[in-house]
Amino acid sequence: MVTRTHHLLAGLARRNPAIRVALTKTGAAEPSARAYELCTPEGLTVTVREIATAFPELLHQGGHKSERLVRHFYEDTIDDPANRVWSSLAKQYACAIGSAGIPRVLAQSINPLISLLKARELGLLDRTYVTGVINDSGTDFARRFDYLARQIKDGAQVAVIAVSESVRQELCAAGVPDGALRKVLNGMDVDDYTARLRQAEAGAVWERVRKRNAVPPGLRVVLVCARRVAWKGHPDVIRAARMLAERGQLEGACVVFNGAGMLDTRAPEYQQELQSLIAELDLGGKVFLLDQLTPEEVVSCYVGARVAVHPSRKPEPFGYANVEAMLAGVPVIATAHGGPVEYIEHGASGLLVPPRSPEQIAVALEALLGDDALHARMGRAGRASAERFTLDAMLDGYLDAITTATMVHGAGR
């Protein structure tokens, strides 16, 4: 489960100890009616049902997932009644919800939400109160956003949460009625995260990661914490590092990328492409692709970092990695679109650069690596900005949306 799900479950359990939770887990190759119980780290026992989303016979080509086929099924033919992907997802989610016997559903991204709306079209859902959380943005989801808007206008009683203002605006532009929308900014358990940072520092966890990955000691670390997928912009930082090296400004510093194991199955060669680029630009010993890390080790990266860079080429719907770095007191360089512009004030709580701009990343890195006063000032301001995104604020928003969805459904029956 992603971090925000753990935090959400912990907060819900704290507010309502008698809560009963069922989860769906995506990624299976074949549909299954099997359910099993899982105890989360927060001590909450949940029932888990798997949803087959791999569809190898439909989405794979040449041994891996095809970008063209994914777009064909998920976007281009979303309205085709014969679309086997959406019909299968609709039936699987309806079955999971019926088996769980829990009337309130929280769909935490666009695909589960569309699946539920498809199930509604097929008459498979009854008295199910749906709240959808949209953590997606960009043109890749345009047809899905349009379908969501049309279904709501057609009478689907769904409360939709946008995790940032930029996502809310995209949904409005797609035609989602403003009355069905509310903005609830993502949040996290700040105290818990701060405690994990302290534990990682006390346990010298970063030192263990550094040694295992042959990162030389004593270097100022530029951290890129992101899944290894192309739109996250890794090459832009690698090229920025080359520029700094040519100017002699990378002495005493290095760049490290975590995110091993979090690849896009549509581009399995991406990590090799990054390794090739590092070699081509003669950055061996200066740029490192870390191996797969435990959650504790991921947190330790912020303890060891001097600067964090998040150079996403597409708008981040929110940008949890930015907030985590800021809470650790690590100044952030991020691209100036999407969620980050809502909590990073350029020149005050961080630095914003245009997307796909290695030159501007290099300029920003030069400033933060070379100016201790600027570094300290942005570290403090960044943490103060990030501390606003609390778990309680997120929970209040979610619970209000869920209650509203329940009341709307009840009024309509």
Protein backbone atom coordinates (compact mmCIF):
# COMPACT_ATOMS: atom_id res chain seq x y z
CA MET A 1 0.00 0.00 0.00
CA VAL A 2 1.17 3.53 -0.71
CA THR A 3 2.07 5.82 2.17
CA ARG A 4 -1.09 7.91 1.97
CA THR A 5 -3.22 4.77 2.31
CA HIS A 6 -1.39 3.73 5.46
CA HIS A 7 -1.84 7.20 6.93
CA LEU A 8 -5.50 7.29 5.96
CA LEU A 9 -6.19 3.89 7.52
CA ALA A 10 -4.34 4.85 10.70
CA GLY A 11 -6.35 8.05 11.03
CA LEU A 12 -9.68 6.38 10.35
CA ALA A 13 -8.95 3.66 12.90
CA ARG A 14 -7.95 6.23 15.49
CA ARG A 15 -11.17 8.16 15.03
CA ASN A 16 -13.40 5.09 14.87
CA PRO A 17 -11.86 2.01 16.55
CA ALA A 18 -14.84 -0.12 15.48
CA ILE A 19 -14.33 0.60 11.78
CA ARG A 20 -14.43 -2.32 9.36
CA VAL A 21 -12.26 -2.00 6.27
CA ALA A 22 -11.93 -4.01 3.07
CA LEU A 23 -9.26 -3.22 0.49
CA THR A 24 -8.74 -4.13 -3.13
CA LYS A 25 -5.27 -4.94 -4.39
CA THR A 26 -4.58 -4.43 -8.08
CA GLY A 27 -2.04 -6.10 -10.32
CA ALA A 28 -3.14 -9.73 -10.53
CA ALA A 29 -3.05 -11.48 -13.90
CA GLU A 30 -6.27 -13.47 -13.41
CA PRO A 31 -9.52 -12.60 -11.62
CA SER A 32 -10.00 -14.33 -8.29
CA ALA A 33 -12.77 -14.51 -5.73
CA ARG A 34 -10.22 -15.27 -3.01
CA ALA A 35 -10.08 -12.95 0.00
CA TYR A 36 -7.57 -12.87 2.81
CA GLU A 37 -6.94 -10.88 5.95
CA LEU A 38 -4.00 -8.56 6.44
CA CYS A 39 -2.81 -6.73 9.53
CA THR A 40 -1.48 -3.29 8.63
CA PRO A 41 1.48 -1.72 10.48
CA GLU A 42 -1.08 0.46 12.25
CA GLY A 43 -2.62 -2.65 13.85
CA LEU A 44 -5.78 -2.60 11.74
CA THR A 45 -7.01 -5.92 10.36
CA VAL A 46 -8.42 -5.53 6.85
CA THR A 47 -9.91 -7.91 4.30
CA VAL A 48 -8.09 -7.85 0.96
CA ARG A 49 -9.54 -8.85 -2.40
CA GLU A 50 -7.40 -8.93 -5.52
CA ILE A 51 -8.36 -7.23 -8.77
CA ALA A 52 -6.82 -8.49 -12.02
CA THR A 53 -5.48 -5.46 -13.88
CA ALA A 54 -2.57 -6.98 -15.82
CA PHE A 55 -4.65 -8.26 -18.80
CA PRO A 56 -1.57 -9.78 -20.50
CA GLU A 57 -3.63 -11.13 -23.39
CA LEU A 58 -4.96 -7.64 -24.15
CA LEU A 59 -2.29 -5.17 -23.06
CA HIS A 60 1.00 -6.98 -23.67
CA GLN A 61 3.04 -7.03 -26.84
CA GLY A 62 6.58 -8.30 -27.29
CA GLY A 63 6.72 -9.62 -23.74
CA HIS A 64 5.76 -6.45 -21.90
CA LYS A 65 2.91 -3.98 -21.51
CA SER A 66 2.33 -1.87 -24.63
CA GLU A 67 1.78 1.89 -24.30
CA ARG A 68 -0.33 1.82 -27.48
CA LEU A 69 -2.60 -0.97 -26.24
CA VAL A 70 -2.98 0.58 -22.78
CA ARG A 71 -4.11 3.83 -24.36
CA HIS A 72 -6.41 1.98 -26.76
CA PHE A 73 -8.33 0.20 -23.99
CA TYR A 74 -8.18 2.72 -21.15
CA GLU A 75 -8.67 5.91 -23.19
CA ASP A 76 -9.50 5.62 -26.88
CA THR A 77 -12.30 3.02 -26.60
CA ILE A 78 -13.60 3.90 -23.16
CA ASP A 79 -17.16 4.19 -24.53
CA ASP A 80 -17.10 0.90 -26.43
CA PRO A 81 -19.47 -1.59 -24.74
CA ALA A 82 -17.25 -4.40 -26.07
CA ASN A 83 -14.18 -3.06 -24.25
CA ARG A 84 -13.07 -6.13 -22.32
CA VAL A 85 -10.79 -4.25 -19.94
CA TRP A 86 -13.45 -1.94 -18.55
CA SER A 87 -16.16 -4.62 -18.49
CA SER A 88 -13.86 -6.96 -16.55
CA LEU A 89 -12.87 -4.26 -14.08
CA ALA A 90 -16.51 -3.27 -13.56
CA LYS A 91 -17.51 -6.84 -12.76
CA GLN A 92 -14.51 -7.45 -10.49
CA TYR A 93 -15.01 -4.30 -8.43
CA ALA A 94 -18.75 -4.90 -8.15
CA CYS A 95 -18.06 -8.45 -6.95
CA ALA A 96 -15.48 -7.26 -4.41
CA ILE A 97 -17.83 -4.60 -3.05
CA GLY A 98 -20.74 -7.03 -2.86
CA SER A 99 -18.62 -9.65 -1.08
CA ALA A 100 -17.29 -7.13 1.41
CA GLY A 101 -20.78 -5.94 2.30
CA ILE A 102 -19.52 -2.41 2.98
CA PRO A 103 -21.72 0.28 1.41
CA ARG A 104 -19.21 3.15 1.41
CA VAL A 105 -16.50 2.99 -1.24
CA LEU A 106 -13.42 5.20 -1.52
CA ALA A 107 -11.83 4.89 -4.97
CA GLN A 108 -8.29 6.24 -4.66
CA SER A 109 -7.55 6.96 -8.31
CA ILE A 110 -9.29 7.42 -11.63
CA ASN A 111 -9.29 3.79 -12.82
CA PRO A 112 -11.16 2.29 -9.84
CA LEU A 113 -13.60 5.20 -10.01
CA ILE A 114 -14.27 4.64 -13.72
CA SER A 115 -14.67 0.92 -13.02
CA LEU A 116 -17.37 1.70 -10.45
CA LEU A 117 -19.15 3.99 -12.90
CA LYS A 118 -19.00 1.25 -15.52
CA ALA A 119 -20.49 -1.14 -12.94
CA ARG A 120 -23.27 1.39 -12.40
CA GLU A 121 -23.96 1.44 -16.14
CA LEU A 122 -24.22 -2.34 -16.10
CA GLY A 123 -26.60 -2.32 -13.14
CA LEU A 124 -24.11 -4.15 -10.89
CA LEU A 125 -24.02 -1.73 -7.96
CA ASP A 126 -26.85 -1.14 -5.51
CA ARG A 127 -26.89 1.33 -2.64
CA THR A 128 -23.16 1.93 -2.83
CA TYR A 129 -21.99 5.38 -1.76
CA VAL A 130 -18.95 6.29 -3.88
CA THR A 131 -16.28 8.87 -3.17
CA GLY A 132 -13.53 9.16 -5.77
CA VAL A 133 -10.09 10.59 -5.02
CA ILE A 134 -8.32 11.89 -8.11
CA ASN A 135 -4.54 11.66 -7.80
CA ASP A 136 -4.09 11.79 -11.58
CA SER A 137 -3.55 14.63 -13.98
CA GLY A 138 -2.45 15.31 -17.53
CA THR A 139 -3.55 14.57 -21.04
CA ASP A 140 -3.09 10.83 -20.51
CA PHE A 141 -6.41 10.82 -18.62
CA ALA A 142 -8.42 13.24 -20.76
CA ARG A 143 -11.01 10.71 -21.97
CA ARG A 144 -11.40 9.22 -18.50
CA PHE A 145 -11.99 12.68 -17.04
CA ASP A 146 -14.53 13.33 -19.80
CA TYR A 147 -16.30 10.04 -19.05
CA LEU A 148 -16.43 10.91 -15.35
CA ALA A 149 -17.98 14.30 -16.16
CA ARG A 150 -20.59 12.77 -18.45
CA GLN A 151 -21.58 10.11 -15.93
CA ILE A 152 -22.07 12.67 -13.16
CA LYS A 153 -24.18 14.84 -15.47
CA ASP A 154 -26.14 11.70 -16.32
CA GLY A 155 -27.04 11.19 -12.67
CA ALA A 156 -24.18 9.21 -11.12
CA GLN A 157 -24.11 10.27 -7.49
CA VAL A 158 -20.40 10.50 -6.79
CA ALA A 159 -18.43 12.85 -4.58
CA VAL A 160 -15.09 13.67 -6.23
CA ILE A 161 -12.02 14.75 -4.27
CA ALA A 162 -9.21 16.58 -6.08
CA VAL A 163 -5.90 16.39 -4.19
CA SER A 164 -4.72 19.81 -5.36
CA GLU A 165 -6.03 22.95 -7.02
CA SER A 166 -4.36 22.01 -10.30
CA VAL A 167 -6.23 18.69 -10.37
CA ARG A 168 -9.48 20.45 -9.48
CA GLN A 169 -9.01 22.83 -12.38
CA GLU A 170 -8.32 19.97 -14.79
CA LEU A 171 -11.50 18.22 -13.69
CA CYS A 172 -13.52 21.42 -14.07
CA ALA A 173 -12.05 21.94 -17.55
CA ALA A 174 -13.14 18.39 -18.41
CA GLY A 175 -16.70 19.29 -17.47
CA VAL A 176 -17.00 17.76 -13.98
CA PRO A 177 -19.69 19.86 -12.25
CA ASP A 178 -18.25 22.09 -9.56
CA GLY A 179 -20.96 20.92 -7.18
CA ALA A 180 -19.61 17.36 -7.31
CA LEU A 181 -16.06 18.50 -6.62
CA ARG A 182 -14.14 19.41 -3.54
CA LYS A 183 -10.45 20.02 -2.99
CA VAL A 184 -8.85 18.05 -0.17
CA LEU A 185 -5.10 18.45 -0.10
CA ASN A 186 -3.09 15.35 0.59
CA GLY A 187 -1.75 15.03 4.09
CA MET A 188 0.42 12.82 6.23
CA ASP A 189 1.18 12.05 9.85
CA VAL A 190 3.85 14.70 10.37
CA ASP A 191 4.78 13.54 13.87
CA ASP A 192 5.16 9.94 12.76
CA TYR A 193 7.27 10.93 9.77
CA THR A 194 9.49 13.16 11.92
CA ALA A 195 10.01 10.26 14.34
CA ARG A 196 11.00 7.99 11.43
CA LEU A 197 13.54 10.57 10.29
CA ARG A 198 15.06 10.64 13.77
CA GLN A 199 15.17 6.85 13.95
CA ALA A 200 16.91 6.64 10.58
CA GLU A 201 19.45 9.23 11.67
CA ALA A 202 20.08 7.56 15.03
CA GLY A 203 20.50 4.18 13.35
CA ALA A 204 22.91 5.52 10.72
CA VAL A 205 20.68 3.95 8.08
CA TRP A 206 21.86 6.26 5.29
CA GLU A 207 25.44 5.20 6.00
CA ARG A 208 24.41 1.61 5.35
CA VAL A 209 22.73 2.57 2.08
CA ARG A 210 25.73 4.68 1.04
CA LYS A 211 28.24 1.90 1.63
CA ARG A 212 26.13 -0.76 -0.09
CA ASN A 213 25.85 1.42 -3.20
CA ALA A 214 29.52 2.52 -3.19
CA VAL A 215 28.68 6.20 -2.78
CA PRO A 216 31.88 7.91 -1.58
CA PRO A 217 31.74 9.32 1.97
CA GLY A 218 31.69 13.02 2.76
CA LEU A 219 29.91 14.17 -0.40
CA ARG A 220 26.96 16.56 -0.45
CA VAL A 221 24.10 14.48 -1.81
CA VAL A 222 21.62 15.68 -4.42
CA LEU A 223 18.66 13.34 -4.08
CA VAL A 224 16.08 12.45 -6.70
CA CYS A 225 13.35 10.44 -4.98
CA ALA A 226 10.98 9.18 -7.67
CA ARG A 227 9.73 6.12 -9.46
CA ARG A 228 11.96 5.22 -12.39
CA VAL A 229 9.55 6.23 -15.11
CA ALA A 230 10.37 8.60 -17.95
CA TRP A 231 7.99 11.44 -17.08
CA LYS A 232 9.74 11.93 -13.74
CA GLY A 233 12.58 13.66 -15.63
CA HIS A 234 15.66 11.77 -14.43
CA PRO A 235 17.69 12.59 -17.59
CA ASP A 236 17.24 16.31 -16.94
CA VAL A 237 19.07 16.00 -13.61
CA ILE A 238 21.78 13.80 -15.12
CA ARG A 239 22.39 16.42 -17.84
CA ALA A 240 22.39 19.17 -15.19
CA ALA A 241 25.03 17.21 -13.30
CA ARG A 242 27.16 17.08 -16.46
CA MET A 243 26.91 20.87 -16.79
CA LEU A 244 28.02 21.36 -13.19
CA ALA A 245 30.89 18.91 -13.64
CA GLU A 246 32.11 20.81 -16.72
CA ARG A 247 32.14 24.02 -14.68
CA GLY A 248 33.93 22.35 -11.78
CA GLN A 249 30.90 22.88 -9.55
CA LEU A 250 30.17 19.23 -8.79
CA GLU A 251 33.33 18.76 -6.74
CA GLY A 252 32.46 17.44 -3.31
CA ALA A 253 28.93 16.52 -4.41
CA CYS A 254 27.08 13.66 -6.08
CA VAL A 255 23.62 12.82 -7.39
CA VAL A 256 21.71 9.75 -6.20
CA PHE A 257 18.46 8.34 -7.55
CA ASN A 258 16.31 5.98 -5.50
CA GLY A 259 13.17 4.30 -6.80
CA ALA A 260 14.67 0.97 -7.90
CA GLY A 261 11.97 -1.63 -8.47
CA MET A 262 9.34 1.04 -9.28
CA LEU A 263 9.46 0.77 -13.06
CA ASP A 264 6.77 1.28 -15.67
CA THR A 265 6.12 -2.13 -17.22
CA ARG A 266 5.46 -0.33 -20.51
CA ALA A 267 9.12 0.81 -20.58
CA PRO A 268 11.22 -1.96 -19.02
CA GLU A 269 14.39 -0.63 -20.66
CA TYR A 270 14.23 2.78 -18.94
CA GLN A 271 16.69 1.99 -16.16
CA GLN A 272 19.24 0.76 -18.70
CA GLU A 273 18.75 3.99 -20.62
CA LEU A 274 19.62 5.96 -17.48
CA GLN A 275 22.73 3.84 -16.89
CA SER A 276 23.79 4.38 -20.50
CA LEU A 277 23.32 8.15 -20.21
CA ILE A 278 25.42 8.26 -17.04
CA ALA A 279 28.20 6.38 -18.82
CA GLU A 280 27.90 8.47 -21.99
CA LEU A 281 28.30 11.70 -20.02
CA ASP A 282 31.24 10.27 -18.04
CA LEU A 283 29.50 10.68 -14.68
CA GLY A 284 30.58 7.41 -13.09
CA GLY A 285 31.44 8.05 -9.46
CA LYS A 286 29.26 11.18 -9.50
CA VAL A 287 25.78 9.88 -10.32
CA PHE A 288 24.39 6.74 -8.68
CA LEU A 289 21.28 4.64 -9.22
CA LEU A 290 20.61 3.20 -5.76
CA ASP A 291 19.47 -0.39 -5.35
CA GLN A 292 16.06 -1.32 -4.01
CA LEU A 293 15.46 0.21 -0.58
CA THR A 294 13.33 -0.67 2.42
CA PRO A 295 10.87 1.98 3.68
CA GLU A 296 13.32 2.82 6.47
CA GLU A 297 16.10 3.26 3.92
CA VAL A 298 13.95 5.52 1.73
CA VAL A 299 13.42 7.82 4.73
CA SER A 300 17.16 7.76 5.42
CA CYS A 301 17.85 9.25 1.98
CA TYR A 302 16.39 12.53 3.23
CA VAL A 303 18.67 12.37 6.26
CA GLY A 304 21.68 12.04 3.95
CA ALA A 305 20.57 14.61 1.36
CA ARG A 306 21.75 18.19 0.96
CA VAL A 307 19.23 19.07 -1.78
CA ALA A 308 16.24 17.24 -3.28
CA VAL A 309 15.28 17.60 -6.94
CA HIS A 310 11.93 16.55 -8.36
CA PRO A 311 12.07 17.41 -12.08
CA SER A 312 8.77 15.92 -13.27
CA ARG A 313 8.12 16.62 -16.94
CA LYS A 314 4.38 16.23 -16.46
CA PRO A 315 2.51 18.09 -13.70
CA GLU A 316 2.58 16.28 -10.37
CA PRO A 317 -0.98 16.01 -9.05
CA PHE A 318 0.41 16.74 -5.57
CA GLY A 319 4.00 15.61 -5.00
CA TYR A 320 4.38 13.69 -1.73
CA ALA A 321 8.15 13.36 -2.27
CA ASN A 322 8.51 17.14 -2.21
CA VAL A 323 6.64 17.38 1.08
CA GLU A 324 8.69 14.59 2.64
CA ALA A 325 11.94 16.34 1.70
CA MET A 326 10.67 19.68 3.00
CA LEU A 327 9.63 18.11 6.31
CA ALA A 328 13.19 16.79 6.60
CA GLY A 329 14.50 20.33 6.19
CA VAL A 330 15.97 19.53 2.77
CA PRO A 331 15.55 22.38 0.24
CA VAL A 332 13.61 21.33 -2.85
CA ILE A 333 14.00 22.12 -6.52
CA ALA A 334 10.81 21.22 -8.40
CA THR A 335 9.28 21.90 -11.79
CA ALA A 336 6.86 24.81 -11.89
CA HIS A 337 3.59 23.10 -12.69
CA GLY A 338 0.98 20.97 -10.94
CA GLY A 339 0.62 20.59 -7.20
CA PRO A 340 4.09 21.84 -6.13
CA VAL A 341 3.34 25.45 -7.11
CA GLU A 342 0.69 25.46 -4.38
CA TYR A 343 3.18 24.91 -1.55
CA ILE A 344 6.56 26.01 -2.92
CA GLU A 345 7.08 29.76 -3.13
CA HIS A 346 9.95 30.28 -5.52
CA GLY A 347 12.96 31.80 -3.80
CA ALA A 348 11.42 31.41 -0.34
CA SER A 349 10.39 27.82 0.47
CA GLY A 350 12.13 26.24 -2.52
CA LEU A 351 13.12 26.79 -6.12
CA LEU A 352 10.88 26.24 -9.14
CA VAL A 353 12.27 25.58 -12.62
CA PRO A 354 10.65 25.02 -16.02
CA PRO A 355 10.06 21.39 -17.00
CA ARG A 356 12.65 19.75 -19.28
CA SER A 357 15.26 22.36 -18.34
CA PRO A 358 18.63 20.86 -17.29
CA GLU A 359 20.17 24.35 -17.54
CA GLN A 360 17.82 25.80 -14.93
CA ILE A 361 18.22 22.76 -12.69
CA ALA A 362 21.99 23.29 -12.83
CA VAL A 363 21.59 26.97 -11.89
CA ALA A 364 19.34 26.07 -8.95
CA LEU A 365 21.70 23.34 -7.76
CA GLU A 366 24.65 25.68 -7.96
CA ALA A 367 22.83 28.16 -5.72
CA LEU A 368 21.78 25.64 -3.06
CA LEU A 369 25.06 23.72 -3.03
CA GLY A 370 27.14 26.85 -2.80
CA ASP A 371 25.21 29.20 -0.51
CA ASP A 372 24.88 27.94 3.05
CA ALA A 373 22.69 30.84 4.17
CA LEU A 374 20.25 30.30 1.30
CA HIS A 375 20.23 26.58 1.99
CA ALA A 376 19.39 27.08 5.67
CA ARG A 377 16.72 29.68 4.97
CA MET A 378 14.94 27.54 2.38
CA GLY A 379 15.20 24.47 4.58
CA ARG A 380 13.38 26.25 7.39
CA ALA A 381 10.76 27.84 5.16
CA GLY A 382 10.17 24.58 3.31
CA ARG A 383 9.49 22.68 6.51
CA ALA A 384 7.09 25.39 7.72
CA SER A 385 5.19 25.15 4.42
CA ALA A 386 5.04 21.35 4.46
CA GLU A 387 3.81 21.18 8.06
CA ARG A 388 0.42 22.44 6.84
CA PHE A 389 -0.37 19.11 5.19
CA THR A 390 -1.54 17.21 8.22
CA LEU A 391 -3.31 13.89 8.42
CA ASP A 392 -6.15 15.42 10.44
CA ALA A 393 -6.87 18.04 7.79
CA MET A 394 -6.98 15.36 5.10
CA LEU A 395 -9.20 13.14 7.23
CA ASP A 396 -11.64 15.98 7.89
CA GLY A 397 -11.96 16.56 4.16
CA TYR A 398 -12.35 12.88 3.29
CA LEU A 399 -14.93 12.22 5.98
CA ASP A 400 -16.92 15.29 4.95
CA ALA A 401 -16.91 14.11 1.32
CA ILE A 402 -17.93 10.56 2.29
CA THR A 403 -20.73 11.89 4.49
CA THR A 404 -21.92 14.13 1.67
CA ALA A 405 -21.92 11.22 -0.77
CA THR A 406 -23.97 9.16 1.69
CA MET A 407 -26.49 11.98 2.20
CA VAL A 408 -26.83 12.61 -1.54
CA HIS A 409 -27.41 8.93 -2.23
CA GLY A 410 -29.91 8.68 0.59
CA ALA A 411 -31.81 11.73 -0.63
CA GLY A 412 -31.97 10.30 -4.12
CA ARG A 413 -33.59 6.99 -3.10
